[in-house]
C-alpha atoms as a PDB file:
ATOM      1  CA  UNK A   1       0.000   0.000   0.000  1.00  0.00           C
ATOM      2  CA  UNK A   2       1.327   3.406  -0.969  1.00  0.00           C
ATOM      3  CA  UNK A   3       1.844   6.435   1.159  1.00  0.00           C
ATOM      4  CA  UNK A   4       0.336   9.898   0.947  1.00  0.00           C
ATOM      5  CA  UNK A   5       2.853  12.373  -0.448  1.00  0.00           C
ATOM      6  CA  UNK A   6       2.285  16.120  -0.385  1.00  0.00           C
ATOM      7  CA  UNK A   7       4.187  18.005  -3.066  1.00  0.00           C
ATOM      8  CA  UNK A   8       4.324  21.731  -2.331  1.00  0.00           C
ATOM      9  CA  UNK A   9       4.048  23.233  -5.794  1.00  0.00           C
ATOM     10  CA  UNK A  10       4.376  26.637  -7.357  1.00  0.00           C
ATOM     11  CA  UNK A  11       5.215  27.530 -10.944  1.00  0.00           C
ATOM     12  CA  UNK A  12       9.005  27.357 -10.470  1.00  0.00           C
ATOM     13  CA  UNK A  13      11.518  25.004 -12.056  1.00  0.00           C
ATOM     14  CA  UNK A  14      12.547  23.929  -8.533  1.00  0.00           C
ATOM     15  CA  UNK A  15       9.011  22.693  -7.879  1.00  0.00           C
ATOM     16  CA  UNK A  16       9.015  20.767 -11.160  1.00  0.00           C
ATOM     17  CA  UNK A  17      12.298  19.124 -10.161  1.00  0.00           C
ATOM     18  CA  UNK A  18      10.578  17.964  -6.966  1.00  0.00           C
ATOM     19  CA  UNK A  19       7.724  16.469  -9.032  1.00  0.00           C
ATOM     20  CA  UNK A  20      10.225  14.784 -11.345  1.00  0.00           C
ATOM     21  CA  UNK A  21      12.004  13.340  -8.295  1.00  0.00           C
ATOM     22  CA  UNK A  22       8.740  11.880  -7.002  1.00  0.00           C
ATOM     23  CA  UNK A  23       7.968  10.438 -10.439  1.00  0.00           C
ATOM     24  CA  UNK A  24      11.383   8.778 -10.702  1.00  0.00           C
ATOM     25  CA  UNK A  25      11.763   7.647  -7.084  1.00  0.00           C
ATOM     26  CA  UNK A  26       8.388   6.513  -5.786  1.00  0.00           C
ATOM     27  CA  UNK A  27       6.224   3.696  -7.050  1.00  0.00           C
ATOM     28  CA  UNK A  28       2.885   4.540  -8.661  1.00  0.00           C
ATOM     29  CA  UNK A  29       0.904   3.033  -5.776  1.00  0.00           C
ATOM     30  CA  UNK A  30       1.505   6.222  -3.762  1.00  0.00           C
ATOM     31  CA  UNK A  31      -1.063   9.004  -3.647  1.00  0.00           C
ATOM     32  CA  UNK A  32       0.400  12.375  -4.595  1.00  0.00           C
ATOM     33  CA  UNK A  33      -1.251  15.663  -3.738  1.00  0.00           C
ATOM     34  CA  UNK A  34      -0.024  18.687  -5.680  1.00  0.00           C
ATOM     35  CA  UNK A  35      -0.585  21.465  -3.170  1.00  0.00           C
ATOM     36  CA  UNK A  36      -0.354  25.151  -4.046  1.00  0.00           C
ATOM     37  CA  UNK A  37      -0.982  28.219  -1.921  1.00  0.00           C
ATOM     38  CA  UNK A  38      -1.938  31.504  -3.591  1.00  0.00           C
ATOM     39  CA  UNK A  39      -2.817  34.939  -2.336  1.00  0.00           C
ATOM     40  CA  UNK A  40      -6.536  35.380  -1.789  1.00  0.00           C
ATOM     41  CA  UNK A  41      -6.711  38.568  -3.763  1.00  0.00           C
ATOM     42  CA  UNK A  42     -10.212  37.996  -5.097  1.00  0.00           C
ATOM     43  CA  UNK A  43     -11.735  39.691  -2.062  1.00  0.00           C
ATOM     44  CA  UNK A  44      -9.297  42.584  -2.390  1.00  0.00           C
ATOM     45  CA  UNK A  45     -10.159  42.961  -6.065  1.00  0.00           C
ATOM     46  CA  UNK A  46     -13.857  43.125  -5.221  1.00  0.00           C
ATOM     47  CA  UNK A  47     -13.431  45.737  -2.495  1.00  0.00           C
ATOM     48  CA  UNK A  48     -14.700  49.198  -3.185  1.00  0.00           C
ATOM     49  CA  UNK A  49     -13.864  50.972   0.029  1.00  0.00           C
ATOM     50  CA  UNK A  50     -12.853  54.594   0.650  1.00  0.00           C
ATOM     51  CA  UNK A  51     -10.048  53.300   2.904  1.00  0.00           C
ATOM     52  CA  UNK A  52      -8.203  51.957  -0.127  1.00  0.00           C
ATOM     53  CA  UNK A  53      -5.574  54.350  -1.335  1.00  0.00           C
ATOM     54  CA  UNK A  54      -6.342  56.283  -4.501  1.00  0.00           C
ATOM     55  CA  UNK A  55      -3.228  54.736  -6.076  1.00  0.00           C
ATOM     56  CA  UNK A  56      -4.490  51.205  -5.460  1.00  0.00           C
ATOM     57  CA  UNK A  57      -7.917  52.129  -6.766  1.00  0.00           C
ATOM     58  CA  UNK A  58      -6.366  53.496  -9.968  1.00  0.00           C
ATOM     59  CA  UNK A  59      -4.201  50.360 -10.388  1.00  0.00           C
ATOM     60  CA  UNK A  60      -6.686  47.774  -9.064  1.00  0.00           C
ATOM     61  CA  UNK A  61      -7.578  46.346 -12.469  1.00  0.00           C
ATOM     62  CA  UNK A  62      -3.912  45.766 -13.362  1.00  0.00           C
ATOM     63  CA  UNK A  63      -3.257  44.179  -9.980  1.00  0.00           C
ATOM     64  CA  UNK A  64      -6.262  41.862 -10.274  1.00  0.00           C
ATOM     65  CA  UNK A  65      -5.283  40.800 -13.806  1.00  0.00           C
ATOM     66  CA  UNK A  66      -1.806  39.896 -12.507  1.00  0.00           C
ATOM     67  CA  UNK A  67      -3.293  37.864  -9.655  1.00  0.00           C
ATOM     68  CA  UNK A  68      -5.553  36.009 -12.091  1.00  0.00           C
ATOM     69  CA  UNK A  69      -2.502  35.296 -14.255  1.00  0.00           C
ATOM     70  CA  UNK A  70      -0.621  33.904 -11.226  1.00  0.00           C
ATOM     71  CA  UNK A  71      -3.503  31.505 -10.493  1.00  0.00           C
ATOM     72  CA  UNK A  72      -3.500  30.451 -14.137  1.00  0.00           C
ATOM     73  CA  UNK A  73       0.265  29.785 -14.042  1.00  0.00           C
ATOM     74  CA  UNK A  74      -0.132  27.637 -10.935  1.00  0.00           C
ATOM     75  CA  UNK A  75      -3.012  25.668 -12.468  1.00  0.00           C
ATOM     76  CA  UNK A  76      -0.825  25.112 -15.555  1.00  0.00           C
ATOM     77  CA  UNK A  77       2.024  23.942 -13.295  1.00  0.00           C
ATOM     78  CA  UNK A  78      -0.331  21.506 -11.572  1.00  0.00           C
ATOM     79  CA  UNK A  79      -1.426  20.121 -14.944  1.00  0.00           C
ATOM     80  CA  UNK A  80       2.194  19.758 -16.057  1.00  0.00           C
ATOM     81  CA  UNK A  81       3.099  18.051 -12.778  1.00  0.00           C
ATOM     82  CA  UNK A  82       0.158  15.677 -13.125  1.00  0.00           C
ATOM     83  CA  UNK A  83       1.291  14.764 -16.627  1.00  0.00           C
ATOM     84  CA  UNK A  84       4.841  14.065 -15.380  1.00  0.00           C
ATOM     85  CA  UNK A  85       3.422  11.715 -12.758  1.00  0.00           C
ATOM     86  CA  UNK A  86       1.041   9.972 -15.169  1.00  0.00           C
ATOM     87  CA  UNK A  87       3.857   9.508 -17.693  1.00  0.00           C
ATOM     88  CA  UNK A  88       5.759   7.761 -14.878  1.00  0.00           C
ATOM     89  CA  UNK A  89       2.862   5.335 -14.378  1.00  0.00           C
ATOM     90  CA  UNK A  90       0.850   7.040 -11.621  1.00  0.00           C
ATOM     91  CA  UNK A  91      -2.893   6.577 -11.947  1.00  0.00           C
ATOM     92  CA  UNK A  92      -4.822   9.826 -12.321  1.00  0.00           C
ATOM     93  CA  UNK A  93      -7.006   8.693  -9.374  1.00  0.00           C
ATOM     94  CA  UNK A  94      -3.876   8.881  -7.190  1.00  0.00           C
ATOM     95  CA  UNK A  95      -3.011  12.440  -8.236  1.00  0.00           C
ATOM     96  CA  UNK A  96      -4.879  15.191  -6.421  1.00  0.00           C
ATOM     97  CA  UNK A  97      -4.498  18.906  -7.127  1.00  0.00           C
ATOM     98  CA  UNK A  98      -5.280  21.470  -4.448  1.00  0.00           C
ATOM     99  CA  UNK A  99      -5.118  25.224  -4.917  1.00  0.00           C
ATOM    100  CA  UNK A 100      -5.756  26.897  -1.559  1.00  0.00           C
ATOM    101  CA  UNK A 101      -5.895  30.587  -0.730  1.00  0.00           C
ATOM    102  CA  UNK A 102      -3.220  31.782   1.671  1.00  0.00           C
ATOM    103  CA  UNK A 103      -4.560  31.863   5.224  1.00  0.00           C
ATOM    104  CA  UNK A 104      -1.647  32.095   7.669  1.00  0.00           C
ATOM    105  CA  UNK A 105       1.342  32.223   5.346  1.00  0.00           C
ATOM    106  CA  UNK A 106       2.615  29.913   2.632  1.00  0.00           C
ATOM    107  CA  UNK A 107       4.898  27.838   4.884  1.00  0.00           C
ATOM    108  CA  UNK A 108       2.338  27.601   7.692  1.00  0.00           C
ATOM    109  CA  UNK A 109      -0.402  26.648   5.229  1.00  0.00           C
ATOM    110  CA  UNK A 110       1.795  23.862   3.817  1.00  0.00           C
ATOM    111  CA  UNK A 111       2.523  22.636   7.348  1.00  0.00           C
ATOM    112  CA  UNK A 112      -1.173  22.680   8.249  1.00  0.00           C
ATOM    113  CA  UNK A 113      -2.018  20.678   5.133  1.00  0.00           C
ATOM    114  CA  UNK A 114       0.808  18.221   5.878  1.00  0.00           C
ATOM    115  CA  UNK A 115      -0.700  17.517   9.293  1.00  0.00           C
ATOM    116  CA  UNK A 116      -3.966  16.388   7.722  1.00  0.00           C
ATOM    117  CA  UNK A 117      -2.809  12.871   6.884  1.00  0.00           C
ATOM    118  CA  UNK A 118       0.356  12.916   4.806  1.00  0.00           C
ATOM    119  CA  UNK A 119       3.417  10.748   5.296  1.00  0.00           C
ATOM    120  CA  UNK A 120       5.849  13.077   3.551  1.00  0.00           C
ATOM    121  CA  UNK A 121       6.221  16.589   2.178  1.00  0.00           C
ATOM    122  CA  UNK A 122       8.355  16.997  -0.943  1.00  0.00           C
ATOM    123  CA  UNK A 123       9.319  20.431  -2.159  1.00  0.00           C
ATOM    124  CA  UNK A 124      11.908  22.185  -4.242  1.00  0.00           C
ATOM    125  CA  UNK A 125      14.542  24.405  -2.710  1.00  0.00           C
ATOM    126  CA  UNK A 126      14.118  27.968  -3.775  1.00  0.00           C
ATOM    127  CA  UNK A 127      17.817  28.680  -4.017  1.00  0.00           C
ATOM    128  CA  UNK A 128      17.940  32.188  -2.597  1.00  0.00           C
ATOM    129  CA  UNK A 129      21.332  33.712  -1.953  1.00  0.00           C
ATOM    130  CA  UNK A 130      22.471  33.648   1.664  1.00  0.00           C
ATOM    131  CA  UNK A 131      21.637  37.318   2.218  1.00  0.00           C
ATOM    132  CA  UNK A 132      18.191  37.147   0.603  1.00  0.00           C
ATOM    133  CA  UNK A 133      17.382  33.968   2.524  1.00  0.00           C
ATOM    134  CA  UNK A 134      18.423  35.666   5.770  1.00  0.00           C
ATOM    135  CA  UNK A 135      16.275  38.730   5.063  1.00  0.00           C
ATOM    136  CA  UNK A 136      13.221  37.083   3.491  1.00  0.00           C
ATOM    137  CA  UNK A 137      13.408  33.607   4.913  1.00  0.00           C
ATOM    138  CA  UNK A 138      12.871  30.482   2.910  1.00  0.00           C
ATOM    139  CA  UNK A 139       9.576  28.656   2.700  1.00  0.00           C
ATOM    140  CA  UNK A 140      11.359  25.318   2.397  1.00  0.00           C
ATOM    141  CA  UNK A 141      13.496  26.074   5.465  1.00  0.00           C
ATOM    142  CA  UNK A 142      10.445  27.107   7.478  1.00  0.00           C
ATOM    143  CA  UNK A 143       8.583  23.948   6.493  1.00  0.00           C
ATOM    144  CA  UNK A 144      11.631  21.827   7.330  1.00  0.00           C
ATOM    145  CA  UNK A 145      12.111  23.438  10.740  1.00  0.00           C
ATOM    146  CA  UNK A 146       8.477  23.634  11.825  1.00  0.00           C
ATOM    147  CA  UNK A 147       6.950  20.411  10.527  1.00  0.00           C
ATOM    148  CA  UNK A 148       6.521  17.761  13.203  1.00  0.00           C
ATOM    149  CA  UNK A 149       5.545  14.104  12.700  1.00  0.00           C
ATOM    150  CA  UNK A 150       5.834  14.317   8.893  1.00  0.00           C
ATOM    151  CA  UNK A 151       9.031  13.715   6.907  1.00  0.00           C
ATOM    152  CA  UNK A 152      10.178  16.624   4.741  1.00  0.00           C
ATOM    153  CA  UNK A 153      12.276  16.082   1.629  1.00  0.00           C
ATOM    154  CA  UNK A 154      13.784  19.147  -0.046  1.00  0.00           C
ATOM    155  CA  UNK A 155      14.994  18.681  -3.619  1.00  0.00           C
ATOM    156  CA  UNK A 156      17.837  20.779  -5.021  1.00  0.00           C
END
């Protein structure tokens, strides 16, 4: 019987390397969830409040188009990842795609999802420079440090 694997996925080449690793390393009897976290900007795009700055109001349409494009890129990445897995012999019934709005933060949302019944989290390493990683932090490092009771595998 296979295990439940959570693949934290965005539209980066590092995330695709993680999917490729799963496809090449694990047997097709595993269940793979392709999990993506995106900003919940839909509510912001629908707001029409005087508290919003005039600049945001003037640029809101451009911002909302960009956010829609980001969702589209992530959906495309999930489709591509699913195809990689199916080409490796995984049954489409064992490939689940989830696109969740950000609630607490990307790393914390991944951790929360991991706690809901997964045996392993697989994710790509972002590859920030040392200074950028120190300033901004790394999602993969946060997931690695804060996840309890679930194995975390970070792919270079």
